[in-house]
Amino acid sequence: MQSLQPLDNAVPLGEIDGLVCYDILFEDTPPAAFTPYIVWPAPVGVHSFLGWDAQYAADYQEFATPSTL
């Protein structure tokens, strides 16, 4: 968490399935140290920031479920 930048926003979610969890909205590219911990919950209209449901769904499609050619 020390590598967060001033405009990054981290919201502690508490413990989920025995893991300490945070929602983090990065102002820019996440630090490389965070890469192994990035998860993409399926877009179901409840995991978005400020109503960005459509953008989250598009990002989920692009980054969490990339097509294999």
PDB file of N, CA and C in Angstrom:
ATOM      1  N   MET A   1       0.827  -1.196   0.000  1.00  0.00           N
ATOM      2  CA  MET A   1       0.000   0.000   0.000  1.00  0.00           C
ATOM      3  C   MET A   1       0.869   1.255   0.000  1.00  0.00           C
ATOM      4  N   GLN A   2       2.142   1.123   0.326  1.00  0.00           N
ATOM      5  CA  GLN A   2       3.002   2.292   0.378  1.00  0.00           C
ATOM      6  C   GLN A   2       3.292   2.848  -1.006  1.00  0.00           C
ATOM      7  N   SER A   3       3.110   2.048  -2.075  1.00  0.00           N
ATOM      8  CA  SER A   3       3.394   2.553  -3.413  1.00  0.00           C
ATOM      9  C   SER A   3       2.224   3.289  -4.036  1.00  0.00           C
ATOM     10  N   LEU A   4       1.148   3.507  -3.292  1.00  0.00           N
ATOM     11  CA  LEU A   4       0.024   4.267  -3.840  1.00  0.00           C
ATOM     12  C   LEU A   4       0.416   5.725  -4.023  1.00  0.00           C
ATOM     13  N   GLN A   5      -0.110   6.329  -5.070  1.00  0.00           N
ATOM     14  CA  GLN A   5       0.131   7.738  -5.352  1.00  0.00           C
ATOM     15  C   GLN A   5      -0.944   8.582  -4.660  1.00  0.00           C
ATOM     16  N   PRO A   6      -0.716   9.891  -4.498  1.00  0.00           N
ATOM     17  CA  PRO A   6      -1.677  10.728  -3.764  1.00  0.00           C
ATOM     18  C   PRO A   6      -3.108  10.686  -4.311  1.00  0.00           C
ATOM     19  N   LEU A   7      -3.296  10.510  -5.617  1.00  0.00           N
ATOM     20  CA  LEU A   7      -4.647  10.516  -6.181  1.00  0.00           C
ATOM     21  C   LEU A   7      -5.258   9.120  -6.291  1.00  0.00           C
ATOM     22  N   ASP A   8      -4.524   8.082  -5.894  1.00  0.00           N
ATOM     23  CA  ASP A   8      -5.089   6.734  -5.849  1.00  0.00           C
ATOM     24  C   ASP A   8      -6.041   6.646  -4.666  1.00  0.00           C
ATOM     25  N   ASN A   9      -7.054   5.817  -4.778  1.00  0.00           N
ATOM     26  CA  ASN A   9      -8.050   5.703  -3.725  1.00  0.00           C
ATOM     27  C   ASN A   9      -8.180   4.240  -3.313  1.00  0.00           C
ATOM     28  N   ALA A  10      -7.895   3.941  -2.043  1.00  0.00           N
ATOM     29  CA  ALA A  10      -7.991   2.580  -1.523  1.00  0.00           C
ATOM     30  C   ALA A  10      -9.093   2.510  -0.477  1.00  0.00           C
ATOM     31  N   VAL A  11     -10.007   1.564  -0.654  1.00  0.00           N
ATOM     32  CA  VAL A  11     -11.115   1.377   0.280  1.00  0.00           C
ATOM     33  C   VAL A  11     -10.965  -0.002   0.914  1.00  0.00           C
ATOM     34  N   PRO A  12     -10.703  -0.067   2.225  1.00  0.00           N
ATOM     35  CA  PRO A  12     -10.595  -1.374   2.858  1.00  0.00           C
ATOM     36  C   PRO A  12     -11.951  -2.068   2.922  1.00  0.00           C
ATOM     37  N   LEU A  13     -11.986  -3.313   2.469  1.00  0.00           N
ATOM     38  CA  LEU A  13     -13.224  -4.086   2.474  1.00  0.00           C
ATOM     39  C   LEU A  13     -13.292  -5.043   3.658  1.00  0.00           C
ATOM     40  N   GLY A  14     -12.157  -5.224   4.337  1.00  0.00           N
ATOM     41  CA  GLY A  14     -12.119  -6.160   5.452  1.00  0.00           C
ATOM     42  C   GLY A  14     -11.616  -7.510   4.997  1.00  0.00           C
ATOM     43  N   GLU A  15     -11.967  -8.527   5.745  1.00  0.00           N
ATOM     44  CA  GLU A  15     -11.507  -9.880   5.440  1.00  0.00           C
ATOM     45  C   GLU A  15     -12.585 -10.633   4.670  1.00  0.00           C
ATOM     46  N   ILE A  16     -12.186 -11.179   3.525  1.00  0.00           N
ATOM     47  CA  ILE A  16     -13.085 -11.970   2.688  1.00  0.00           C
ATOM     48  C   ILE A  16     -12.379 -13.288   2.389  1.00  0.00           C
ATOM     49  N   ASP A  17     -13.001 -14.384   2.744  1.00  0.00           N
ATOM     50  CA  ASP A  17     -12.413 -15.716   2.522  1.00  0.00           C
ATOM     51  C   ASP A  17     -11.007 -15.824   3.106  1.00  0.00           C
ATOM     52  N   GLY A  18     -10.798 -15.221   4.266  1.00  0.00           N
ATOM     53  CA  GLY A  18      -9.510 -15.310   4.939  1.00  0.00           C
ATOM     54  C   GLY A  18      -8.442 -14.372   4.407  1.00  0.00           C
ATOM     55  N   LEU A  19      -8.792 -13.502   3.460  1.00  0.00           N
ATOM     56  CA  LEU A  19      -7.838 -12.559   2.886  1.00  0.00           C
ATOM     57  C   LEU A  19      -8.240 -11.129   3.235  1.00  0.00           C
ATOM     58  N   VAL A  20      -7.263 -10.269   3.482  1.00  0.00           N
ATOM     59  CA  VAL A  20      -7.546  -8.855   3.693  1.00  0.00           C
ATOM     60  C   VAL A  20      -7.710  -8.227   2.318  1.00  0.00           C
ATOM     61  N   CYS A  21      -8.851  -7.576   2.080  1.00  0.00           N
ATOM     62  CA  CYS A  21      -9.194  -7.098   0.735  1.00  0.00           C
ATOM     63  C   CYS A  21      -9.392  -5.590   0.693  1.00  0.00           C
ATOM     64  N   TYR A  22      -9.007  -4.995  -0.442  1.00  0.00           N
ATOM     65  CA  TYR A  22      -9.183  -3.572  -0.712  1.00  0.00           C
ATOM     66  C   TYR A  22      -9.719  -3.411  -2.121  1.00  0.00           C
ATOM     67  N   ASP A  23     -10.534  -2.408  -2.316  1.00  0.00           N
ATOM     68  CA  ASP A  23     -10.851  -1.923  -3.658  1.00  0.00           C
ATOM     69  C   ASP A  23      -9.929  -0.741  -3.879  1.00  0.00           C
ATOM     70  N   ILE A  24      -9.201  -0.738  -4.990  1.00  0.00           N
ATOM     71  CA  ILE A  24      -8.279   0.361  -5.273  1.00  0.00           C
ATOM     72  C   ILE A  24      -8.593   0.924  -6.652  1.00  0.00           C
ATOM     73  N   LEU A  25      -8.782   2.223  -6.698  1.00  0.00           N
ATOM     74  CA  LEU A  25      -8.967   2.931  -7.959  1.00  0.00           C
ATOM     75  C   LEU A  25      -7.686   3.717  -8.201  1.00  0.00           C
ATOM     76  N   PHE A  26      -6.909   3.285  -9.208  1.00  0.00           N
ATOM     77  CA  PHE A  26      -5.646   3.938  -9.512  1.00  0.00           C
ATOM     78  C   PHE A  26      -5.880   5.123 -10.433  1.00  0.00           C
ATOM     79  N   GLU A  27      -5.208   6.221 -10.163  1.00  0.00           N
ATOM     80  CA  GLU A  27      -5.274   7.402 -11.028  1.00  0.00           C
ATOM     81  C   GLU A  27      -4.569   7.104 -12.348  1.00  0.00           C
ATOM     82  N   ASP A  28      -3.546   6.265 -12.302  1.00  0.00           N
ATOM     83  CA  ASP A  28      -2.754   5.932 -13.483  1.00  0.00           C
ATOM     84  C   ASP A  28      -2.530   4.418 -13.475  1.00  0.00           C
ATOM     85  N   THR A  29      -1.501   3.966 -14.110  1.00  0.00           N
ATOM     86  CA  THR A  29      -1.190   2.544 -14.183  1.00  0.00           C
ATOM     87  C   THR A  29      -0.833   2.011 -12.794  1.00  0.00           C
ATOM     88  N   PRO A  30      -1.369   0.853 -12.403  1.00  0.00           N
ATOM     89  CA  PRO A  30      -0.999   0.290 -11.100  1.00  0.00           C
ATOM     90  C   PRO A  30       0.488  -0.048 -11.049  1.00  0.00           C
ATOM     91  N   PRO A  31       1.112   0.105  -9.872  1.00  0.00           N
ATOM     92  CA  PRO A  31       2.512  -0.306  -9.740  1.00  0.00           C
ATOM     93  C   PRO A  31       2.661  -1.804 -10.046  1.00  0.00           C
ATOM     94  N   ALA A  32       3.785  -2.184 -10.604  1.00  0.00           N
ATOM     95  CA  ALA A  32       4.021  -3.574 -10.990  1.00  0.00           C
ATOM     96  C   ALA A  32       3.866  -4.527  -9.806  1.00  0.00           C
ATOM     97  N   ALA A  33       4.167  -4.069  -8.607  1.00  0.00           N
ATOM     98  CA  ALA A  33       4.060  -4.930  -7.424  1.00  0.00           C
ATOM     99  C   ALA A  33       2.618  -5.370  -7.167  1.00  0.00           C
ATOM    100  N   PHE A  34       1.638  -4.639  -7.692  1.00  0.00           N
ATOM    101  CA  PHE A  34       0.236  -4.982  -7.481  1.00  0.00           C
ATOM    102  C   PHE A  34      -0.294  -5.984  -8.509  1.00  0.00           C
ATOM    103  N   THR A  35       0.398  -6.154  -9.622  1.00  0.00           N
ATOM    104  CA  THR A  35      -0.082  -6.982 -10.724  1.00  0.00           C
ATOM    105  C   THR A  35      -0.545  -8.384 -10.304  1.00  0.00           C
ATOM    106  N   PRO A  36       0.197  -9.103  -9.462  1.00  0.00           N
ATOM    107  CA  PRO A  36      -0.254 -10.455  -9.108  1.00  0.00           C
ATOM    108  C   PRO A  36      -1.549 -10.492  -8.288  1.00  0.00           C
ATOM    109  N   TYR A  37      -1.959  -9.341  -7.773  1.00  0.00           N
ATOM    110  CA  TYR A  37      -3.119  -9.308  -6.884  1.00  0.00           C
ATOM    111  C   TYR A  37      -4.373  -8.731  -7.539  1.00  0.00           C
ATOM    112  N   ILE A  38      -4.294  -8.362  -8.801  1.00  0.00           N
ATOM    113  CA  ILE A  38      -5.443  -7.780  -9.484  1.00  0.00           C
ATOM    114  C   ILE A  38      -6.459  -8.874  -9.799  1.00  0.00           C
ATOM    115  N   VAL A  39      -7.693  -8.636  -9.417  1.00  0.00           N
ATOM    116  CA  VAL A  39      -8.783  -9.555  -9.724  1.00  0.00           C
ATOM    117  C   VAL A  39      -9.893  -8.776 -10.410  1.00  0.00           C
ATOM    118  N   TRP A  40     -10.672  -9.479 -11.205  1.00  0.00           N
ATOM    119  CA  TRP A  40     -11.784  -8.871 -11.926  1.00  0.00           C
ATOM    120  C   TRP A  40     -13.068  -9.636 -11.597  1.00  0.00           C
ATOM    121  N   PRO A  41     -13.807  -9.198 -10.572  1.00  0.00           N
ATOM    122  CA  PRO A  41     -15.094  -9.847 -10.319  1.00  0.00           C
ATOM    123  C   PRO A  41     -16.011  -9.698 -11.528  1.00  0.00           C
ATOM    124  N   ALA A  42     -16.826 -10.697 -11.787  1.00  0.00           N
ATOM    125  CA  ALA A  42     -17.755 -10.624 -12.921  1.00  0.00           C
ATOM    126  C   ALA A  42     -18.658  -9.406 -12.774  1.00  0.00           C
ATOM    127  N   PRO A  43     -18.878  -8.675 -13.868  1.00  0.00           N
ATOM    128  CA  PRO A  43     -19.726  -7.483 -13.793  1.00  0.00           C
ATOM    129  C   PRO A  43     -21.193  -7.868 -13.600  1.00  0.00           C
ATOM    130  N   VAL A  44     -21.701  -7.574 -12.440  1.00  0.00           N
ATOM    131  CA  VAL A  44     -23.100  -7.882 -12.129  1.00  0.00           C
ATOM    132  C   VAL A  44     -23.835  -6.638 -11.643  1.00  0.00           C
ATOM    133  N   GLY A  45     -23.269  -5.466 -11.922  1.00  0.00           N
ATOM    134  CA  GLY A  45     -23.931  -4.220 -11.546  1.00  0.00           C
ATOM    135  C   GLY A  45     -23.728  -3.814 -10.101  1.00  0.00           C
ATOM    136  N   VAL A  46     -22.858  -4.510  -9.374  1.00  0.00           N
ATOM    137  CA  VAL A  46     -22.632  -4.134  -7.984  1.00  0.00           C
ATOM    138  C   VAL A  46     -21.170  -3.822  -7.694  1.00  0.00           C
ATOM    139  N   HIS A  47     -20.290  -4.026  -8.627  1.00  0.00           N
ATOM    140  CA  HIS A  47     -18.873  -3.772  -8.403  1.00  0.00           C
ATOM    141  C   HIS A  47     -18.395  -2.715  -9.399  1.00  0.00           C
ATOM    142  N   SER A  48     -18.749  -1.480  -9.138  1.00  0.00           N
ATOM    143  CA  SER A  48     -18.309  -0.405 -10.014  1.00  0.00           C
ATOM    144  C   SER A  48     -18.152   0.868  -9.194  1.00  0.00           C
ATOM    145  N   PHE A  49     -17.439   1.815  -9.730  1.00  0.00           N
ATOM    146  CA  PHE A  49     -17.225   3.098  -9.088  1.00  0.00           C
ATOM    147  C   PHE A  49     -18.115   4.148  -9.749  1.00  0.00           C
ATOM    148  N   LEU A  50     -18.920   4.806  -8.958  1.00  0.00           N
ATOM    149  CA  LEU A  50     -19.740   5.933  -9.412  1.00  0.00           C
ATOM    150  C   LEU A  50     -20.589   5.610 -10.634  1.00  0.00           C
ATOM    151  N   GLY A  51     -21.134   4.410 -10.704  1.00  0.00           N
ATOM    152  CA  GLY A  51     -22.033   4.064 -11.787  1.00  0.00           C
ATOM    153  C   GLY A  51     -21.373   3.758 -13.117  1.00  0.00           C
ATOM    154  N   TRP A  52     -20.109   3.424 -13.104  1.00  0.00           N
ATOM    155  CA  TRP A  52     -19.395   3.110 -14.345  1.00  0.00           C
ATOM    156  C   TRP A  52     -19.608   1.662 -14.738  1.00  0.00           C
ATOM    157  N   ASP A  53     -20.825   1.182 -14.668  1.00  0.00           N
ATOM    158  CA  ASP A  53     -21.102  -0.223 -14.955  1.00  0.00           C
ATOM    159  C   ASP A  53     -20.703  -0.615 -16.378  1.00  0.00           C
ATOM    160  N   ALA A  54     -21.047   0.207 -17.354  1.00  0.00           N
ATOM    161  CA  ALA A  54     -20.732  -0.120 -18.747  1.00  0.00           C
ATOM    162  C   ALA A  54     -19.220  -0.135 -18.975  1.00  0.00           C
ATOM    163  N   GLN A  55     -18.505   0.832 -18.387  1.00  0.00           N
ATOM    164  CA  GLN A  55     -17.047   0.871 -18.551  1.00  0.00           C
ATOM    165  C   GLN A  55     -16.399  -0.323 -17.873  1.00  0.00           C
ATOM    166  N   TYR A  56     -16.896  -0.685 -16.692  1.00  0.00           N
ATOM    167  CA  TYR A  56     -16.339  -1.850 -16.000  1.00  0.00           C
ATOM    168  C   TYR A  56     -16.575  -3.116 -16.825  1.00  0.00           C
ATOM    169  N   ALA A  57     -17.764  -3.253 -17.379  1.00  0.00           N
ATOM    170  CA  ALA A  57     -18.066  -4.427 -18.200  1.00  0.00           C
ATOM    171  C   ALA A  57     -17.131  -4.498 -19.407  1.00  0.00           C
ATOM    172  N   ALA A  58     -16.856  -3.349 -20.033  1.00  0.00           N
ATOM    173  CA  ALA A  58     -15.943  -3.317 -21.181  1.00  0.00           C
ATOM    174  C   ALA A  58     -14.520  -3.662 -20.751  1.00  0.00           C
ATOM    175  N   ASP A  59     -14.070  -3.097 -19.620  1.00  0.00           N
ATOM    176  CA  ASP A  59     -12.729  -3.410 -19.117  1.00  0.00           C
ATOM    177  C   ASP A  59     -12.616  -4.884 -18.734  1.00  0.00           C
ATOM    178  N   TYR A  60     -13.663  -5.402 -18.121  1.00  0.00           N
ATOM    179  CA  TYR A  60     -13.682  -6.824 -17.747  1.00  0.00           C
ATOM    180  C   TYR A  60     -13.523  -7.684 -18.993  1.00  0.00           C
ATOM    181  N   GLN A  61     -14.255  -7.342 -20.036  1.00  0.00           N
ATOM    182  CA  GLN A  61     -14.183  -8.103 -21.291  1.00  0.00           C
ATOM    183  C   GLN A  61     -12.789  -8.035 -21.888  1.00  0.00           C
ATOM    184  N   GLU A  62     -12.161  -6.862 -21.828  1.00  0.00           N
ATOM    185  CA  GLU A  62     -10.839  -6.678 -22.432  1.00  0.00           C
ATOM    186  C   GLU A  62      -9.710  -7.284 -21.598  1.00  0.00           C
ATOM    187  N   PHE A  63      -9.748  -7.073 -20.281  1.00  0.00           N
ATOM    188  CA  PHE A  63      -8.606  -7.447 -19.452  1.00  0.00           C
ATOM    189  C   PHE A  63      -8.775  -8.771 -18.698  1.00  0.00           C
ATOM    190  N   ALA A  64      -9.979  -9.088 -18.269  1.00  0.00           N
ATOM    191  CA  ALA A  64     -10.172 -10.295 -17.468  1.00  0.00           C
ATOM    192  C   ALA A  64     -10.476 -11.513 -18.312  1.00  0.00           C
ATOM    193  N   THR A  65     -11.058 -11.301 -19.464  1.00  0.00           N
ATOM    194  CA  THR A  65     -11.436 -12.417 -20.340  1.00  0.00           C
ATOM    195  C   THR A  65     -10.949 -12.149 -21.757  1.00  0.00           C
ATOM    196  N   PRO A  66      -9.621 -11.977 -21.923  1.00  0.00           N
ATOM    197  CA  PRO A  66      -9.129 -11.688 -23.282  1.00  0.00           C
ATOM    198  C   PRO A  66      -9.408 -12.847 -24.226  1.00  0.00           C
ATOM    199  N   SER A  67      -9.700 -12.503 -25.454  1.00  0.00           N
ATOM    200  CA  SER A  67      -9.960 -13.551 -26.441  1.00  0.00           C
ATOM    201  C   SER A  67      -8.654 -14.217 -26.834  1.00  0.00           C
ATOM    202  N   THR A  68      -8.739 -15.475 -27.157  1.00  0.00           N
ATOM    203  CA  THR A  68      -7.544 -16.185 -27.608  1.00  0.00           C
ATOM    204  C   THR A  68      -7.651 -16.385 -29.108  1.00  0.00           C
ATOM    205  N   LEU A  69      -6.641 -15.963 -29.807  1.00  0.00           N
ATOM    206  CA  LEU A  69      -6.654 -16.067 -31.271  1.00  0.00           C
ATOM    207  C   LEU A  69      -5.819 -17.230 -31.728  1.00  0.00           C
TER     208      LEU A  69
END
